[in-house]
PDB file of N, CA and C in Angstrom:
ATOM      1  N   MET A   1       0.716  -1.123   0.129  1.00  0.00           N
ATOM      2  CA  MET A   1      -0.075  -0.111   0.124  1.00  0.00           C
ATOM      3  C   MET A   1       0.521   0.866  -0.371  1.00  0.00           C
ATOM      4  N   ASP A   2       1.849   1.245   0.582  1.00  0.00           N
ATOM      5  CA  ASP A   2       2.903   2.608   1.254  1.00  0.00           C
ATOM      6  C   ASP A   2       3.591   2.633  -0.263  1.00  0.00           C
ATOM      7  N   PHE A   3       4.120   1.727  -1.376  1.00  0.00           N
ATOM      8  CA  PHE A   3       4.889   1.784  -2.208  1.00  0.00           C
ATOM      9  C   PHE A   3       3.434   2.639  -3.397  1.00  0.00           C
ATOM     10  N   CYS A   4       2.317   2.234  -3.208  1.00  0.00           N
ATOM     11  CA  CYS A   4       1.316   2.743  -4.199  1.00  0.00           C
ATOM     12  C   CYS A   4       1.155   4.251  -3.977  1.00  0.00           C
ATOM     13  N   LEU A   5       1.029   4.155  -2.653  1.00  0.00           N
ATOM     14  CA  LEU A   5       0.530   5.512  -1.931  1.00  0.00           C
ATOM     15  C   LEU A   5       2.008   6.708  -2.438  1.00  0.00           C
ATOM     16  N   ALA A   6       3.249   6.232  -2.129  1.00  0.00           N
ATOM     17  CA  ALA A   6       4.349   7.404  -2.626  1.00  0.00           C
ATOM     18  C   ALA A   6       4.414   7.668  -4.055  1.00  0.00           C
ATOM     19  N   GLY A   7       4.082   6.253  -4.073  1.00  0.00           N
ATOM     20  CA  GLY A   7       4.392   6.682  -6.420  1.00  0.00           C
ATOM     21  C   GLY A   7       3.504   7.658  -6.540  1.00  0.00           C
ATOM     22  N   ILE A   8       2.124   8.011  -6.392  1.00  0.00           N
ATOM     23  CA  ILE A   8       1.342   9.122  -6.541  1.00  0.00           C
ATOM     24  C   ILE A   8       1.723   9.992  -5.639  1.00  0.00           C
ATOM     25  N   GLY A   9       1.868  10.174  -4.788  1.00  0.00           N
ATOM     26  CA  GLY A   9       2.627  11.307  -4.086  1.00  0.00           C
ATOM     27  C   GLY A   9       3.863  11.520  -4.578  1.00  0.00           C
ATOM     28  N   ILE A  10       4.746  11.259  -5.257  1.00  0.00           N
ATOM     29  CA  ILE A  10       5.916  11.481  -6.014  1.00  0.00           C
ATOM     30  C   ILE A  10       5.440  12.117  -6.997  1.00  0.00           C
ATOM     31  N   HIS A  11       4.827  11.140  -8.473  1.00  0.00           N
ATOM     32  CA  HIS A  11       4.529  11.486  -9.424  1.00  0.00           C
ATOM     33  C   HIS A  11       3.254  12.141 -10.153  1.00  0.00           C
ATOM     34  N   VAL A  12       2.606  12.775  -9.230  1.00  0.00           N
ATOM     35  CA  VAL A  12       1.118  13.248  -9.087  1.00  0.00           C
ATOM     36  C   VAL A  12       1.325  14.643  -8.132  1.00  0.00           C
ATOM     37  N   PRO A  13       1.892  16.152  -8.794  1.00  0.00           N
ATOM     38  CA  PRO A  13       2.235  17.150  -7.358  1.00  0.00           C
ATOM     39  C   PRO A  13       0.777  17.218  -6.336  1.00  0.00           C
ATOM     40  N   VAL A  14      -0.549  17.415  -8.034  1.00  0.00           N
ATOM     41  CA  VAL A  14      -1.685  18.123  -7.735  1.00  0.00           C
ATOM     42  C   VAL A  14      -2.193  16.844  -6.164  1.00  0.00           C
ATOM     43  N   LEU A  15      -1.776  15.574  -7.085  1.00  0.00           N
ATOM     44  CA  LEU A  15      -2.027  15.069  -5.563  1.00  0.00           C
ATOM     45  C   LEU A  15      -1.712  14.918  -4.112  1.00  0.00           C
ATOM     46  N   ARG A  16      -0.571  15.245  -3.962  1.00  0.00           N
ATOM     47  CA  ARG A  16       0.672  15.176  -3.393  1.00  0.00           C
ATOM     48  C   ARG A  16       0.339  15.608  -1.560  1.00  0.00           C
ATOM     49  N   GLU A  17      -0.499  16.684  -1.614  1.00  0.00           N
ATOM     50  CA  GLU A  17      -0.883  17.070   0.007  1.00  0.00           C
ATOM     51  C   GLU A  17      -2.026  15.882   0.495  1.00  0.00           C
ATOM     52  N   ARG A  18      -2.510  15.839   0.085  1.00  0.00           N
ATOM     53  CA  ARG A  18      -3.479  14.658  -0.010  1.00  0.00           C
ATOM     54  C   ARG A  18      -3.319  13.265   0.480  1.00  0.00           C
ATOM     55  N   VAL A  19      -2.165  12.991  -0.420  1.00  0.00           N
ATOM     56  CA  VAL A  19      -1.700  11.571  -0.485  1.00  0.00           C
ATOM     57  C   VAL A  19      -0.547  11.407   1.120  1.00  0.00           C
ATOM     58  N   VAL A  20       0.103  12.831   1.144  1.00  0.00           N
ATOM     59  CA  VAL A  20       0.831  12.995   2.540  1.00  0.00           C
ATOM     60  C   VAL A  20      -0.419  12.589   3.702  1.00  0.00           C
ATOM     61  N   ALA A  21      -1.176  13.558   3.597  1.00  0.00           N
ATOM     62  CA  ALA A  21      -2.135  13.520   4.975  1.00  0.00           C
ATOM     63  C   ALA A  21      -2.770  11.934   4.690  1.00  0.00           C
ATOM     64  N   ILE A  22      -3.269  10.953   4.069  1.00  0.00           N
ATOM     65  CA  ILE A  22      -3.429   9.688   4.268  1.00  0.00           C
ATOM     66  C   ILE A  22      -2.405   8.709   4.489  1.00  0.00           C
ATOM     67  N   GLY A  23      -1.200   9.178   4.413  1.00  0.00           N
ATOM     68  CA  GLY A  23       0.001   8.280   4.721  1.00  0.00           C
ATOM     69  C   GLY A  23       0.375   8.720   6.228  1.00  0.00           C
ATOM     70  N   GLU A  24       0.067   9.769   6.302  1.00  0.00           N
ATOM     71  CA  GLU A  24       0.344  10.175   7.676  1.00  0.00           C
ATOM     72  C   GLU A  24      -0.787   9.226   9.174  1.00  0.00           C
ATOM     73  N   ARG A  25      -2.381   9.528   8.264  1.00  0.00           N
ATOM     74  CA  ARG A  25      -2.967   8.773   8.779  1.00  0.00           C
ATOM     75  C   ARG A  25      -3.473   7.155   8.713  1.00  0.00           C
ATOM     76  N   LEU A  26      -2.420   6.889   8.144  1.00  0.00           N
ATOM     77  CA  LEU A  26      -2.367   5.097   8.075  1.00  0.00           C
ATOM     78  C   LEU A  26      -1.249   4.808   9.381  1.00  0.00           C
ATOM     79  N   GLY A  27      -0.426   5.756   8.831  1.00  0.00           N
ATOM     80  CA  GLY A  27       0.234   5.703   9.729  1.00  0.00           C
ATOM     81  C   GLY A  27       1.492   4.022   9.862  1.00  0.00           C
ATOM     82  N   VAL A  28       1.466   4.106   8.520  1.00  0.00           N
ATOM     83  CA  VAL A  28       2.390   2.173   8.190  1.00  0.00           C
ATOM     84  C   VAL A  28       3.582   2.389   8.625  1.00  0.00           C
ATOM     85  N   TYR A  29       4.563   1.622   9.152  1.00  0.00           N
ATOM     86  CA  TYR A  29       6.561   1.891   9.107  1.00  0.00           C
ATOM     87  C   TYR A  29       6.933   3.385   9.452  1.00  0.00           C
ATOM     88  N   PRO A  30       6.254   4.004  10.766  1.00  0.00           N
ATOM     89  CA  PRO A  30       6.788   5.261  10.581  1.00  0.00           C
ATOM     90  C   PRO A  30       7.800   5.809  11.918  1.00  0.00           C
ATOM     91  N   ASP A  31       8.304   4.377  12.761  1.00  0.00           N
ATOM     92  CA  ASP A  31       9.615   3.914  13.215  1.00  0.00           C
ATOM     93  C   ASP A  31      10.554   2.967  12.748  1.00  0.00           C
ATOM     94  N   TYR A  32       9.866   2.543  11.232  1.00  0.00           N
ATOM     95  CA  TYR A  32      11.175   1.480  10.305  1.00  0.00           C
ATOM     96  C   TYR A  32      12.545   1.678  10.714  1.00  0.00           C
ATOM     97  N   PRO A  33      13.193   0.656  10.880  1.00  0.00           N
ATOM     98  CA  PRO A  33      14.530   1.239  10.945  1.00  0.00           C
ATOM     99  C   PRO A  33      14.881   1.159   9.983  1.00  0.00           C
ATOM    100  N   VAL A  34      16.146   1.931   9.249  1.00  0.00           N
ATOM    101  CA  VAL A  34      16.946   1.874   8.448  1.00  0.00           C
ATOM    102  C   VAL A  34      18.225   2.072   8.346  1.00  0.00           C
ATOM    103  N   SER A  35      19.536   1.739   7.636  1.00  0.00           N
ATOM    104  CA  SER A  35      20.179   2.068   7.506  1.00  0.00           C
ATOM    105  C   SER A  35      20.714   3.588   6.916  1.00  0.00           C
ATOM    106  N   LYS A  36      21.731   4.001   7.516  1.00  0.00           N
ATOM    107  CA  LYS A  36      22.545   5.497   7.432  1.00  0.00           C
ATOM    108  C   LYS A  36      22.134   5.235   5.804  1.00  0.00           C
ATOM    109  N   GLY A  37      21.658   6.284   5.412  1.00  0.00           N
ATOM    110  CA  GLY A  37      21.308   7.125   3.862  1.00  0.00           C
ATOM    111  C   GLY A  37      20.202   6.347   2.899  1.00  0.00           C
ATOM    112  N   CYS A  38      19.803   5.913   3.520  1.00  0.00           N
ATOM    113  CA  CYS A  38      18.523   4.833   3.079  1.00  0.00           C
ATOM    114  C   CYS A  38      17.117   6.043   3.498  1.00  0.00           C
ATOM    115  N   THR A  39      16.311   5.467   2.782  1.00  0.00           N
ATOM    116  CA  THR A  39      15.034   6.316   3.158  1.00  0.00           C
ATOM    117  C   THR A  39      13.806   5.228   3.326  1.00  0.00           C
ATOM    118  N   THR A  40      13.046   6.203   4.510  1.00  0.00           N
ATOM    119  CA  THR A  40      12.178   5.053   5.301  1.00  0.00           C
ATOM    120  C   THR A  40      10.683   5.143   4.746  1.00  0.00           C
ATOM    121  N   PRO A  41      10.395   3.680   4.421  1.00  0.00           N
ATOM    122  CA  PRO A  41       9.115   3.236   3.940  1.00  0.00           C
ATOM    123  C   PRO A  41       8.189   3.791   4.375  1.00  0.00           C
ATOM    124  N   PHE A  42       8.392   4.708   5.557  1.00  0.00           N
ATOM    125  CA  PHE A  42       7.313   5.875   5.670  1.00  0.00           C
ATOM    126  C   PHE A  42       6.483   7.066   4.778  1.00  0.00           C
ATOM    127  N   ALA A  43       5.473   6.386   3.831  1.00  0.00           N
ATOM    128  CA  ALA A  43       5.136   7.423   3.176  1.00  0.00           C
ATOM    129  C   ALA A  43       5.271   9.211   2.902  1.00  0.00           C
ATOM    130  N   PRO A  44       4.611   9.817   4.167  1.00  0.00           N
ATOM    131  CA  PRO A  44       5.101  10.883   3.691  1.00  0.00           C
ATOM    132  C   PRO A  44       6.298  11.451   4.117  1.00  0.00           C
ATOM    133  N   VAL A  45       7.408  10.760   4.880  1.00  0.00           N
ATOM    134  CA  VAL A  45       9.044  11.386   4.748  1.00  0.00           C
ATOM    135  C   VAL A  45       9.566  10.559   3.179  1.00  0.00           C
ATOM    136  N   TRP A  46       8.410   9.382   2.919  1.00  0.00           N
ATOM    137  CA  TRP A  46       9.412   8.701   1.256  1.00  0.00           C
ATOM    138  C   TRP A  46       9.057   9.866   0.164  1.00  0.00           C
ATOM    139  N   ILE A  47       8.231  10.313   0.307  1.00  0.00           N
ATOM    140  CA  ILE A  47       7.600  11.276  -0.999  1.00  0.00           C
ATOM    141  C   ILE A  47       8.212  12.625  -0.673  1.00  0.00           C
ATOM    142  N   ALA A  48       8.364  12.933   0.612  1.00  0.00           N
ATOM    143  CA  ALA A  48       9.348  14.294   0.861  1.00  0.00           C
ATOM    144  C   ALA A  48      10.684  14.296   0.234  1.00  0.00           C
ATOM    145  N   GLU A  49      11.344  13.177   0.819  1.00  0.00           N
ATOM    146  CA  GLU A  49      12.358  12.723  -0.191  1.00  0.00           C
ATOM    147  C   GLU A  49      12.805  12.540  -1.517  1.00  0.00           C
ATOM    148  N   MET A  50      11.581  11.848  -1.987  1.00  0.00           N
ATOM    149  CA  MET A  50      12.084  11.623  -3.087  1.00  0.00           C
ATOM    150  C   MET A  50      11.968  13.170  -4.277  1.00  0.00           C
ATOM    151  N   VAL A  51      10.604  13.579  -3.901  1.00  0.00           N
ATOM    152  CA  VAL A  51      10.648  14.847  -4.591  1.00  0.00           C
ATOM    153  C   VAL A  51      11.399  15.671  -4.238  1.00  0.00           C
ATOM    154  N   ARG A  52      12.334  15.836  -3.304  1.00  0.00           N
ATOM    155  CA  ARG A  52      13.222  16.770  -3.290  1.00  0.00           C
ATOM    156  C   ARG A  52      14.770  16.473  -4.276  1.00  0.00           C
ATOM    157  N   ARG A  53      15.351  14.989  -3.875  1.00  0.00           N
ATOM    158  CA  ARG A  53      15.803  14.650  -5.008  1.00  0.00           C
ATOM    159  C   ARG A  53      16.044  14.966  -6.269  1.00  0.00           C
ATOM    160  N   GLN A  54      14.788  15.139  -6.727  1.00  0.00           N
ATOM    161  CA  GLN A  54      14.105  14.699  -7.525  1.00  0.00           C
ATOM    162  C   GLN A  54      14.056  16.986  -8.516  1.00  0.00           C
ATOM    163  N   GLY A  55      14.449  17.409  -7.221  1.00  0.00           N
ATOM    164  CA  GLY A  55      14.977  19.229  -7.354  1.00  0.00           C
ATOM    165  C   GLY A  55      13.806  19.676  -7.167  1.00  0.00           C
TER     166      GLY A  55
END
């Protein structure tokens, strides 16, 4: 679910705010441990990071 949600948030700017809100409400993987330099699978953080990397 988070993969699809994040994909929409990353590639459809019009829906980004709504998708982030849904991800926060679902709360899937908010404290998932990741290695240094990796992006968490928590959709709101993942979306923000991928959008930042795209410039």
